[in-house]
Amino acid sequence: MVTSQVAEPVEHLTWVEICARYPDQWVALADIAWVNRTDFAFTAAEVIATFAERKAATPTMKALHAANRRSVGCFWTGKLINGDIDPLWHARS
């Protein structure tokens, strides 16, 4: 007998929602809906996993790239050492 399962809907969150839900963590994102290619701004993204340390995200990021997930990235949701929140720094790290 073959049974079918309905996949759970994928939740896409804004950057503000991601930061509120996962404060001071590294987040692996996929299917990022960028506003444009020059700014950090995006309308929503799927949170794949969260990590306390950036190095721990490496296997997940490699798997996302290998799976050809659309537009992936790993970003820090907290404040930087100098106290500023600069999402452009996140995109470059």
PDB file of N, CA and C in Angstrom:
ATOM      1  N   MET A   1       0.839  -1.177   0.000  1.00  0.00           N
ATOM      2  CA  MET A   1       0.000   0.000   0.000  1.00  0.00           C
ATOM      3  C   MET A   1       0.885   1.242   0.000  1.00  0.00           C
ATOM      4  N   VAL A   2       0.615   2.151  -0.883  1.00  0.00           N
ATOM      5  CA  VAL A   2       1.372   3.393  -0.974  1.00  0.00           C
ATOM      6  C   VAL A   2       0.612   4.476  -0.231  1.00  0.00           C
ATOM      7  N   THR A   3       1.324   5.160   0.638  1.00  0.00           N
ATOM      8  CA  THR A   3       0.710   6.277   1.345  1.00  0.00           C
ATOM      9  C   THR A   3       1.418   7.551   0.922  1.00  0.00           C
ATOM     10  N   SER A   4       0.693   8.606   0.912  1.00  0.00           N
ATOM     11  CA  SER A   4       1.301   9.882   0.550  1.00  0.00           C
ATOM     12  C   SER A   4       1.328  10.784   1.771  1.00  0.00           C
ATOM     13  N   GLN A   5       2.361  11.585   1.818  1.00  0.00           N
ATOM     14  CA  GLN A   5       2.476  12.544   2.897  1.00  0.00           C
ATOM     15  C   GLN A   5       2.447  13.932   2.294  1.00  0.00           C
ATOM     16  N   VAL A   6       1.802  14.822   2.969  1.00  0.00           N
ATOM     17  CA  VAL A   6       1.765  16.208   2.537  1.00  0.00           C
ATOM     18  C   VAL A   6       2.942  16.915   3.201  1.00  0.00           C
ATOM     19  N   ALA A   7       3.751  17.555   2.383  1.00  0.00           N
ATOM     20  CA  ALA A   7       4.891  18.285   2.932  1.00  0.00           C
ATOM     21  C   ALA A   7       4.391  19.484   3.728  1.00  0.00           C
ATOM     22  N   GLU A   8       5.072  19.749   4.818  1.00  0.00           N
ATOM     23  CA  GLU A   8       4.709  20.918   5.602  1.00  0.00           C
ATOM     24  C   GLU A   8       5.074  22.163   4.809  1.00  0.00           C
ATOM     25  N   PRO A   9       4.253  23.190   4.921  1.00  0.00           N
ATOM     26  CA  PRO A   9       4.553  24.407   4.169  1.00  0.00           C
ATOM     27  C   PRO A   9       5.855  25.036   4.658  1.00  0.00           C
ATOM     28  N   VAL A  10       6.604  25.569   3.720  1.00  0.00           N
ATOM     29  CA  VAL A  10       7.854  26.227   4.051  1.00  0.00           C
ATOM     30  C   VAL A  10       7.537  27.636   4.516  1.00  0.00           C
ATOM     31  N   GLU A  11       8.120  28.018   5.640  1.00  0.00           N
ATOM     32  CA  GLU A  11       7.877  29.352   6.181  1.00  0.00           C
ATOM     33  C   GLU A  11       8.979  30.293   5.719  1.00  0.00           C
ATOM     34  N   HIS A  12       8.594  31.368   5.066  1.00  0.00           N
ATOM     35  CA  HIS A  12       9.529  32.393   4.643  1.00  0.00           C
ATOM     36  C   HIS A  12       9.367  33.594   5.573  1.00  0.00           C
ATOM     37  N   LEU A  13      10.477  34.042   6.133  1.00  0.00           N
ATOM     38  CA  LEU A  13      10.467  35.137   7.103  1.00  0.00           C
ATOM     39  C   LEU A  13      11.239  36.331   6.577  1.00  0.00           C
ATOM     40  N   THR A  14      10.885  37.505   7.069  1.00  0.00           N
ATOM     41  CA  THR A  14      11.656  38.707   6.757  1.00  0.00           C
ATOM     42  C   THR A  14      12.891  38.729   7.655  1.00  0.00           C
ATOM     43  N   TRP A  15      13.852  39.624   7.346  1.00  0.00           N
ATOM     44  CA  TRP A  15      15.057  39.716   8.181  1.00  0.00           C
ATOM     45  C   TRP A  15      14.695  40.127   9.607  1.00  0.00           C
ATOM     46  N   VAL A  16      13.767  41.037   9.778  1.00  0.00           N
ATOM     47  CA  VAL A  16      13.340  41.462  11.114  1.00  0.00           C
ATOM     48  C   VAL A  16      12.752  40.274  11.882  1.00  0.00           C
ATOM     49  N   GLU A  17      11.922  39.479  11.232  1.00  0.00           N
ATOM     50  CA  GLU A  17      11.334  38.297  11.874  1.00  0.00           C
ATOM     51  C   GLU A  17      12.415  37.266  12.220  1.00  0.00           C
ATOM     52  N   ILE A  18      13.380  37.084  11.332  1.00  0.00           N
ATOM     53  CA  ILE A  18      14.464  36.131  11.586  1.00  0.00           C
ATOM     54  C   ILE A  18      15.273  36.574  12.799  1.00  0.00           C
ATOM     55  N   CYS A  19      15.632  37.860  12.859  1.00  0.00           N
ATOM     56  CA  CYS A  19      16.409  38.376  13.995  1.00  0.00           C
ATOM     57  C   CYS A  19      15.636  38.252  15.311  1.00  0.00           C
ATOM     58  N   ALA A  20      14.329  38.482  15.273  1.00  0.00           N
ATOM     59  CA  ALA A  20      13.510  38.376  16.481  1.00  0.00           C
ATOM     60  C   ALA A  20      13.381  36.929  16.944  1.00  0.00           C
ATOM     61  N   ARG A  21      13.238  36.013  16.008  1.00  0.00           N
ATOM     62  CA  ARG A  21      13.042  34.604  16.342  1.00  0.00           C
ATOM     63  C   ARG A  21      14.350  33.898  16.711  1.00  0.00           C
ATOM     64  N   TYR A  22      15.458  34.327  16.100  1.00  0.00           N
ATOM     65  CA  TYR A  22      16.755  33.678  16.312  1.00  0.00           C
ATOM     66  C   TYR A  22      17.810  34.713  16.683  1.00  0.00           C
ATOM     67  N   PRO A  23      17.677  35.352  17.860  1.00  0.00           N
ATOM     68  CA  PRO A  23      18.627  36.412  18.219  1.00  0.00           C
ATOM     69  C   PRO A  23      20.035  35.861  18.488  1.00  0.00           C
ATOM     70  N   ASP A  24      21.026  36.645  18.078  1.00  0.00           N
ATOM     71  CA  ASP A  24      22.437  36.339  18.345  1.00  0.00           C
ATOM     72  C   ASP A  24      22.832  34.938  17.899  1.00  0.00           C
ATOM     73  N   GLN A  25      22.421  34.590  16.690  1.00  0.00           N
ATOM     74  CA  GLN A  25      22.759  33.285  16.123  1.00  0.00           C
ATOM     75  C   GLN A  25      23.152  33.452  14.664  1.00  0.00           C
ATOM     76  N   TRP A  26      23.902  32.487  14.173  1.00  0.00           N
ATOM     77  CA  TRP A  26      24.152  32.387  12.743  1.00  0.00           C
ATOM     78  C   TRP A  26      22.975  31.632  12.148  1.00  0.00           C
ATOM     79  N   VAL A  27      22.428  32.144  11.058  1.00  0.00           N
ATOM     80  CA  VAL A  27      21.305  31.490  10.411  1.00  0.00           C
ATOM     81  C   VAL A  27      21.683  31.121   8.981  1.00  0.00           C
ATOM     82  N   ALA A  28      21.391  29.891   8.616  1.00  0.00           N
ATOM     83  CA  ALA A  28      21.571  29.438   7.240  1.00  0.00           C
ATOM     84  C   ALA A  28      20.244  29.659   6.537  1.00  0.00           C
ATOM     85  N   LEU A  29      20.276  30.472   5.481  1.00  0.00           N
ATOM     86  CA  LEU A  29      19.059  30.823   4.755  1.00  0.00           C
ATOM     87  C   LEU A  29      19.104  30.267   3.343  1.00  0.00           C
ATOM     88  N   ALA A  30      17.941  29.960   2.809  1.00  0.00           N
ATOM     89  CA  ALA A  30      17.822  29.507   1.423  1.00  0.00           C
ATOM     90  C   ALA A  30      16.628  30.206   0.782  1.00  0.00           C
ATOM     91  N   ASP A  31      16.618  30.197  -0.524  1.00  0.00           N
ATOM     92  CA  ASP A  31      15.539  30.824  -1.295  1.00  0.00           C
ATOM     93  C   ASP A  31      15.334  32.278  -0.869  1.00  0.00           C
ATOM     94  N   ILE A  32      16.454  32.983  -0.769  1.00  0.00           N
ATOM     95  CA  ILE A  32      16.411  34.389  -0.365  1.00  0.00           C
ATOM     96  C   ILE A  32      15.843  35.215  -1.520  1.00  0.00           C
ATOM     97  N   ALA A  33      14.802  35.955  -1.234  1.00  0.00           N
ATOM     98  CA  ALA A  33      14.165  36.810  -2.239  1.00  0.00           C
ATOM     99  C   ALA A  33      14.762  38.212  -2.120  1.00  0.00           C
ATOM    100  N   TRP A  34      15.899  38.415  -2.807  1.00  0.00           N
ATOM    101  CA  TRP A  34      16.612  39.687  -2.744  1.00  0.00           C
ATOM    102  C   TRP A  34      15.810  40.795  -3.408  1.00  0.00           C
ATOM    103  N   VAL A  35      15.880  41.984  -2.830  1.00  0.00           N
ATOM    104  CA  VAL A  35      15.249  43.159  -3.425  1.00  0.00           C
ATOM    105  C   VAL A  35      16.067  43.589  -4.637  1.00  0.00           C
ATOM    106  N   ASN A  36      17.391  43.600  -4.482  1.00  0.00           N
ATOM    107  CA  ASN A  36      18.292  43.878  -5.602  1.00  0.00           C
ATOM    108  C   ASN A  36      19.639  43.228  -5.293  1.00  0.00           C
ATOM    109  N   ARG A  37      20.564  43.315  -6.199  1.00  0.00           N
ATOM    110  CA  ARG A  37      21.842  42.612  -6.050  1.00  0.00           C
ATOM    111  C   ARG A  37      22.914  43.428  -5.342  1.00  0.00           C
ATOM    112  N   THR A  38      22.626  44.664  -4.939  1.00  0.00           N
ATOM    113  CA  THR A  38      23.654  45.500  -4.333  1.00  0.00           C
ATOM    114  C   THR A  38      23.466  45.736  -2.845  1.00  0.00           C
ATOM    115  N   ASP A  39      22.269  45.543  -2.328  1.00  0.00           N
ATOM    116  CA  ASP A  39      22.004  45.775  -0.902  1.00  0.00           C
ATOM    117  C   ASP A  39      21.734  44.459  -0.192  1.00  0.00           C
ATOM    118  N   PHE A  40      21.706  44.523   1.112  1.00  0.00           N
ATOM    119  CA  PHE A  40      21.390  43.340   1.896  1.00  0.00           C
ATOM    120  C   PHE A  40      19.889  43.067   1.905  1.00  0.00           C
ATOM    121  N   ALA A  41      19.080  44.000   1.512  1.00  0.00           N
ATOM    122  CA  ALA A  41      17.628  43.910   1.646  1.00  0.00           C
ATOM    123  C   ALA A  41      17.037  42.728   0.882  1.00  0.00           C
ATOM    124  N   PHE A  42      16.208  41.974   1.593  1.00  0.00           N
ATOM    125  CA  PHE A  42      15.429  40.915   0.955  1.00  0.00           C
ATOM    126  C   PHE A  42      14.042  40.905   1.557  1.00  0.00           C
ATOM    127  N   THR A  43      13.092  40.400   0.795  1.00  0.00           N
ATOM    128  CA  THR A  43      11.716  40.398   1.283  1.00  0.00           C
ATOM    129  C   THR A  43      11.435  39.220   2.196  1.00  0.00           C
ATOM    130  N   ALA A  44      12.055  38.069   1.941  1.00  0.00           N
ATOM    131  CA  ALA A  44      11.838  36.889   2.780  1.00  0.00           C
ATOM    132  C   ALA A  44      12.864  35.817   2.438  1.00  0.00           C
ATOM    133  N   ALA A  45      13.033  34.888   3.369  1.00  0.00           N
ATOM    134  CA  ALA A  45      13.937  33.758   3.161  1.00  0.00           C
ATOM    135  C   ALA A  45      13.497  32.606   4.060  1.00  0.00           C
ATOM    136  N   GLU A  46      13.915  31.419   3.687  1.00  0.00           N
ATOM    137  CA  GLU A  46      13.633  30.225   4.486  1.00  0.00           C
ATOM    138  C   GLU A  46      14.813  29.968   5.424  1.00  0.00           C
ATOM    139  N   VAL A  47      14.542  29.826   6.711  1.00  0.00           N
ATOM    140  CA  VAL A  47      15.596  29.503   7.672  1.00  0.00           C
ATOM    141  C   VAL A  47      15.776  27.987   7.674  1.00  0.00           C
ATOM    142  N   ILE A  48      16.966  27.550   7.273  1.00  0.00           N
ATOM    143  CA  ILE A  48      17.263  26.125   7.199  1.00  0.00           C
ATOM    144  C   ILE A  48      17.766  25.601   8.530  1.00  0.00           C
ATOM    145  N   ALA A  49      18.658  26.369   9.173  1.00  0.00           N
ATOM    146  CA  ALA A  49      19.243  25.943  10.445  1.00  0.00           C
ATOM    147  C   ALA A  49      19.835  27.156  11.151  1.00  0.00           C
ATOM    148  N   THR A  50      20.088  26.998  12.456  1.00  0.00           N
ATOM    149  CA  THR A  50      20.733  28.054  13.233  1.00  0.00           C
ATOM    150  C   THR A  50      21.936  27.466  13.952  1.00  0.00           C
ATOM    151  N   PHE A  51      22.914  28.340  14.236  1.00  0.00           N
ATOM    152  CA  PHE A  51      24.160  27.893  14.843  1.00  0.00           C
ATOM    153  C   PHE A  51      24.694  28.953  15.796  1.00  0.00           C
ATOM    154  N   ALA A  52      25.368  28.508  16.850  1.00  0.00           N
ATOM    155  CA  ALA A  52      26.008  29.437  17.784  1.00  0.00           C
ATOM    156  C   ALA A  52      27.321  29.947  17.206  1.00  0.00           C
ATOM    157  N   GLU A  53      27.993  29.113  16.404  1.00  0.00           N
ATOM    158  CA  GLU A  53      29.276  29.487  15.821  1.00  0.00           C
ATOM    159  C   GLU A  53      29.209  29.338  14.308  1.00  0.00           C
ATOM    160  N   ARG A  54      29.851  30.242  13.608  1.00  0.00           N
ATOM    161  CA  ARG A  54      29.817  30.232  12.139  1.00  0.00           C
ATOM    162  C   ARG A  54      30.423  28.955  11.569  1.00  0.00           C
ATOM    163  N   LYS A  55      31.484  28.483  12.172  1.00  0.00           N
ATOM    164  CA  LYS A  55      32.167  27.287  11.668  1.00  0.00           C
ATOM    165  C   LYS A  55      31.229  26.074  11.649  1.00  0.00           C
ATOM    166  N   ALA A  56      30.317  26.003  12.592  1.00  0.00           N
ATOM    167  CA  ALA A  56      29.378  24.875  12.658  1.00  0.00           C
ATOM    168  C   ALA A  56      28.411  24.861  11.479  1.00  0.00           C
ATOM    169  N   ALA A  57      28.246  26.004  10.807  1.00  0.00           N
ATOM    170  CA  ALA A  57      27.326  26.098   9.681  1.00  0.00           C
ATOM    171  C   ALA A  57      27.914  25.567   8.379  1.00  0.00           C
ATOM    172  N   THR A  58      29.223  25.366   8.327  1.00  0.00           N
ATOM    173  CA  THR A  58      29.886  24.992   7.079  1.00  0.00           C
ATOM    174  C   THR A  58      29.292  23.743   6.423  1.00  0.00           C
ATOM    175  N   PRO A  59      29.092  22.622   7.130  1.00  0.00           N
ATOM    176  CA  PRO A  59      28.512  21.450   6.467  1.00  0.00           C
ATOM    177  C   PRO A  59      27.120  21.711   5.883  1.00  0.00           C
ATOM    178  N   THR A  60      26.310  22.467   6.588  1.00  0.00           N
ATOM    179  CA  THR A  60      24.964  22.781   6.105  1.00  0.00           C
ATOM    180  C   THR A  60      25.033  23.643   4.852  1.00  0.00           C
ATOM    181  N   MET A  61      25.928  24.632   4.858  1.00  0.00           N
ATOM    182  CA  MET A  61      26.051  25.505   3.694  1.00  0.00           C
ATOM    183  C   MET A  61      26.563  24.726   2.484  1.00  0.00           C
ATOM    184  N   LYS A  62      27.499  23.824   2.696  1.00  0.00           N
ATOM    185  CA  LYS A  62      27.992  22.989   1.596  1.00  0.00           C
ATOM    186  C   LYS A  62      26.864  22.120   1.028  1.00  0.00           C
ATOM    187  N   ALA A  63      26.041  21.570   1.914  1.00  0.00           N
ATOM    188  CA  ALA A  63      24.923  20.734   1.473  1.00  0.00           C
ATOM    189  C   ALA A  63      23.900  21.556   0.684  1.00  0.00           C
ATOM    190  N   LEU A  64      23.646  22.781   1.114  1.00  0.00           N
ATOM    191  CA  LEU A  64      22.703  23.638   0.393  1.00  0.00           C
ATOM    192  C   LEU A  64      23.224  23.965  -1.002  1.00  0.00           C
ATOM    193  N   HIS A  65      24.514  24.247  -1.099  1.00  0.00           N
ATOM    194  CA  HIS A  65      25.108  24.526  -2.416  1.00  0.00           C
ATOM    195  C   HIS A  65      25.064  23.273  -3.285  1.00  0.00           C
ATOM    196  N   ALA A  66      25.374  22.122  -2.709  1.00  0.00           N
ATOM    197  CA  ALA A  66      25.369  20.871  -3.469  1.00  0.00           C
ATOM    198  C   ALA A  66      23.968  20.529  -3.965  1.00  0.00           C
ATOM    199  N   ALA A  67      22.959  20.903  -3.192  1.00  0.00           N
ATOM    200  CA  ALA A  67      21.572  20.633  -3.571  1.00  0.00           C
ATOM    201  C   ALA A  67      21.024  21.693  -4.534  1.00  0.00           C
ATOM    202  N   ASN A  68      21.889  22.644  -4.901  1.00  0.00           N
ATOM    203  CA  ASN A  68      21.499  23.720  -5.815  1.00  0.00           C
ATOM    204  C   ASN A  68      20.298  24.517  -5.316  1.00  0.00           C
ATOM    205  N   ARG A  69      20.264  24.745  -4.005  1.00  0.00           N
ATOM    206  CA  ARG A  69      19.192  25.580  -3.462  1.00  0.00           C
ATOM    207  C   ARG A  69      19.360  26.993  -4.000  1.00  0.00           C
ATOM    208  N   ARG A  70      18.269  27.626  -4.286  1.00  0.00           N
ATOM    209  CA  ARG A  70      18.301  28.978  -4.855  1.00  0.00           C
ATOM    210  C   ARG A  70      18.702  29.996  -3.794  1.00  0.00           C
ATOM    211  N   SER A  71      19.701  30.789  -4.083  1.00  0.00           N
ATOM    212  CA  SER A  71      20.145  31.907  -3.264  1.00  0.00           C
ATOM    213  C   SER A  71      20.270  31.542  -1.787  1.00  0.00           C
ATOM    214  N   VAL A  72      21.446  31.116  -1.382  1.00  0.00           N
ATOM    215  CA  VAL A  72      21.688  30.719   0.009  1.00  0.00           C
ATOM    216  C   VAL A  72      22.710  31.647   0.651  1.00  0.00           C
ATOM    217  N   GLY A  73      22.703  31.688   1.970  1.00  0.00           N
ATOM    218  CA  GLY A  73      23.669  32.489   2.696  1.00  0.00           C
ATOM    219  C   GLY A  73      23.605  32.193   4.175  1.00  0.00           C
ATOM    220  N   CYS A  74      24.675  32.554   4.872  1.00  0.00           N
ATOM    221  CA  CYS A  74      24.739  32.381   6.318  1.00  0.00           C
ATOM    222  C   CYS A  74      25.019  33.746   6.930  1.00  0.00           C
ATOM    223  N   PHE A  75      24.149  34.175   7.833  1.00  0.00           N
ATOM    224  CA  PHE A  75      24.225  35.532   8.363  1.00  0.00           C
ATOM    225  C   PHE A  75      24.089  35.549   9.884  1.00  0.00           C
ATOM    226  N   TRP A  76      24.700  36.553  10.521  1.00  0.00           N
ATOM    227  CA  TRP A  76      24.644  36.760  11.969  1.00  0.00           C
ATOM    228  C   TRP A  76      23.476  37.671  12.290  1.00  0.00           C
ATOM    229  N   THR A  77      22.639  37.286  13.247  1.00  0.00           N
ATOM    230  CA  THR A  77      21.446  38.069  13.582  1.00  0.00           C
ATOM    231  C   THR A  77      21.661  39.061  14.712  1.00  0.00           C
ATOM    232  N   GLY A  78      22.823  39.027  15.353  1.00  0.00           N
ATOM    233  CA  GLY A  78      23.055  39.896  16.502  1.00  0.00           C
ATOM    234  C   GLY A  78      23.838  41.147  16.168  1.00  0.00           C
ATOM    235  N   LYS A  79      24.239  41.828  17.218  1.00  0.00           N
ATOM    236  CA  LYS A  79      25.027  43.048  17.076  1.00  0.00           C
ATOM    237  C   LYS A  79      26.488  42.691  16.829  1.00  0.00           C
ATOM    238  N   LEU A  80      27.155  43.590  16.156  1.00  0.00           N
ATOM    239  CA  LEU A  80      28.576  43.418  15.927  1.00  0.00           C
ATOM    240  C   LEU A  80      29.347  43.867  17.160  1.00  0.00           C
ATOM    241  N   ILE A  81      30.618  43.625  17.186  1.00  0.00           N
ATOM    242  CA  ILE A  81      31.447  43.953  18.348  1.00  0.00           C
ATOM    243  C   ILE A  81      31.351  45.422  18.711  1.00  0.00           C
ATOM    244  N   ASN A  82      31.304  46.299  17.724  1.00  0.00           N
ATOM    245  CA  ASN A  82      31.221  47.730  18.024  1.00  0.00           C
ATOM    246  C   ASN A  82      29.805  48.179  18.373  1.00  0.00           C
ATOM    247  N   GLY A  83      28.849  47.252  18.384  1.00  0.00           N
ATOM    248  CA  GLY A  83      27.489  47.556  18.791  1.00  0.00           C
ATOM    249  C   GLY A  83      26.544  47.900  17.666  1.00  0.00           C
ATOM    250  N   ASP A  84      27.079  48.075  16.464  1.00  0.00           N
ATOM    251  CA  ASP A  84      26.223  48.396  15.324  1.00  0.00           C
ATOM    252  C   ASP A  84      25.693  47.125  14.689  1.00  0.00           C
ATOM    253  N   ILE A  85      24.527  47.221  14.122  1.00  0.00           N
ATOM    254  CA  ILE A  85      24.011  46.125  13.310  1.00  0.00           C
ATOM    255  C   ILE A  85      24.190  46.563  11.865  1.00  0.00           C
ATOM    256  N   ASP A  86      25.085  45.909  11.170  1.00  0.00           N
ATOM    257  CA  ASP A  86      25.410  46.262   9.794  1.00  0.00           C
ATOM    258  C   ASP A  86      25.226  45.041   8.917  1.00  0.00           C
ATOM    259  N   PRO A  87      24.042  44.867   8.324  1.00  0.00           N
ATOM    260  CA  PRO A  87      23.798  43.670   7.542  1.00  0.00           C
ATOM    261  C   PRO A  87      24.723  43.520   6.339  1.00  0.00           C
ATOM    262  N   LEU A  88      25.280  44.621   5.824  1.00  0.00           N
ATOM    263  CA  LEU A  88      26.203  44.492   4.702  1.00  0.00           C
ATOM    264  C   LEU A  88      27.441  43.731   5.129  1.00  0.00           C
ATOM    265  N   TRP A  89      27.846  43.892   6.390  1.00  0.00           N
ATOM    266  CA  TRP A  89      28.992  43.126   6.893  1.00  0.00           C
ATOM    267  C   TRP A  89      28.659  41.646   6.878  1.00  0.00           C
ATOM    268  N   HIS A  90      27.431  41.310   7.266  1.00  0.00           N
ATOM    269  CA  HIS A  90      27.025  39.913   7.281  1.00  0.00           C
ATOM    270  C   HIS A  90      27.159  39.290   5.902  1.00  0.00           C
ATOM    271  N   ALA A  91      26.741  40.031   4.901  1.00  0.00           N
ATOM    272  CA  ALA A  91      26.748  39.495   3.548  1.00  0.00           C
ATOM    273  C   ALA A  91      28.159  39.298   3.014  1.00  0.00           C
ATOM    274  N   ARG A  92      29.110  40.018   3.558  1.00  0.00           N
ATOM    275  CA  ARG A  92      30.479  39.917   3.074  1.00  0.00           C
ATOM    276  C   ARG A  92      31.307  38.923   3.856  1.00  0.00           C
ATOM    277  N   SER A  93      30.840  38.491   5.017  1.00  0.00           N
ATOM    278  CA  SER A  93      31.656  37.588   5.850  1.00  0.00           C
ATOM    279  C   SER A  93      31.539  36.147   5.426  1.00  0.00           C
TER     280      SER A  93
END
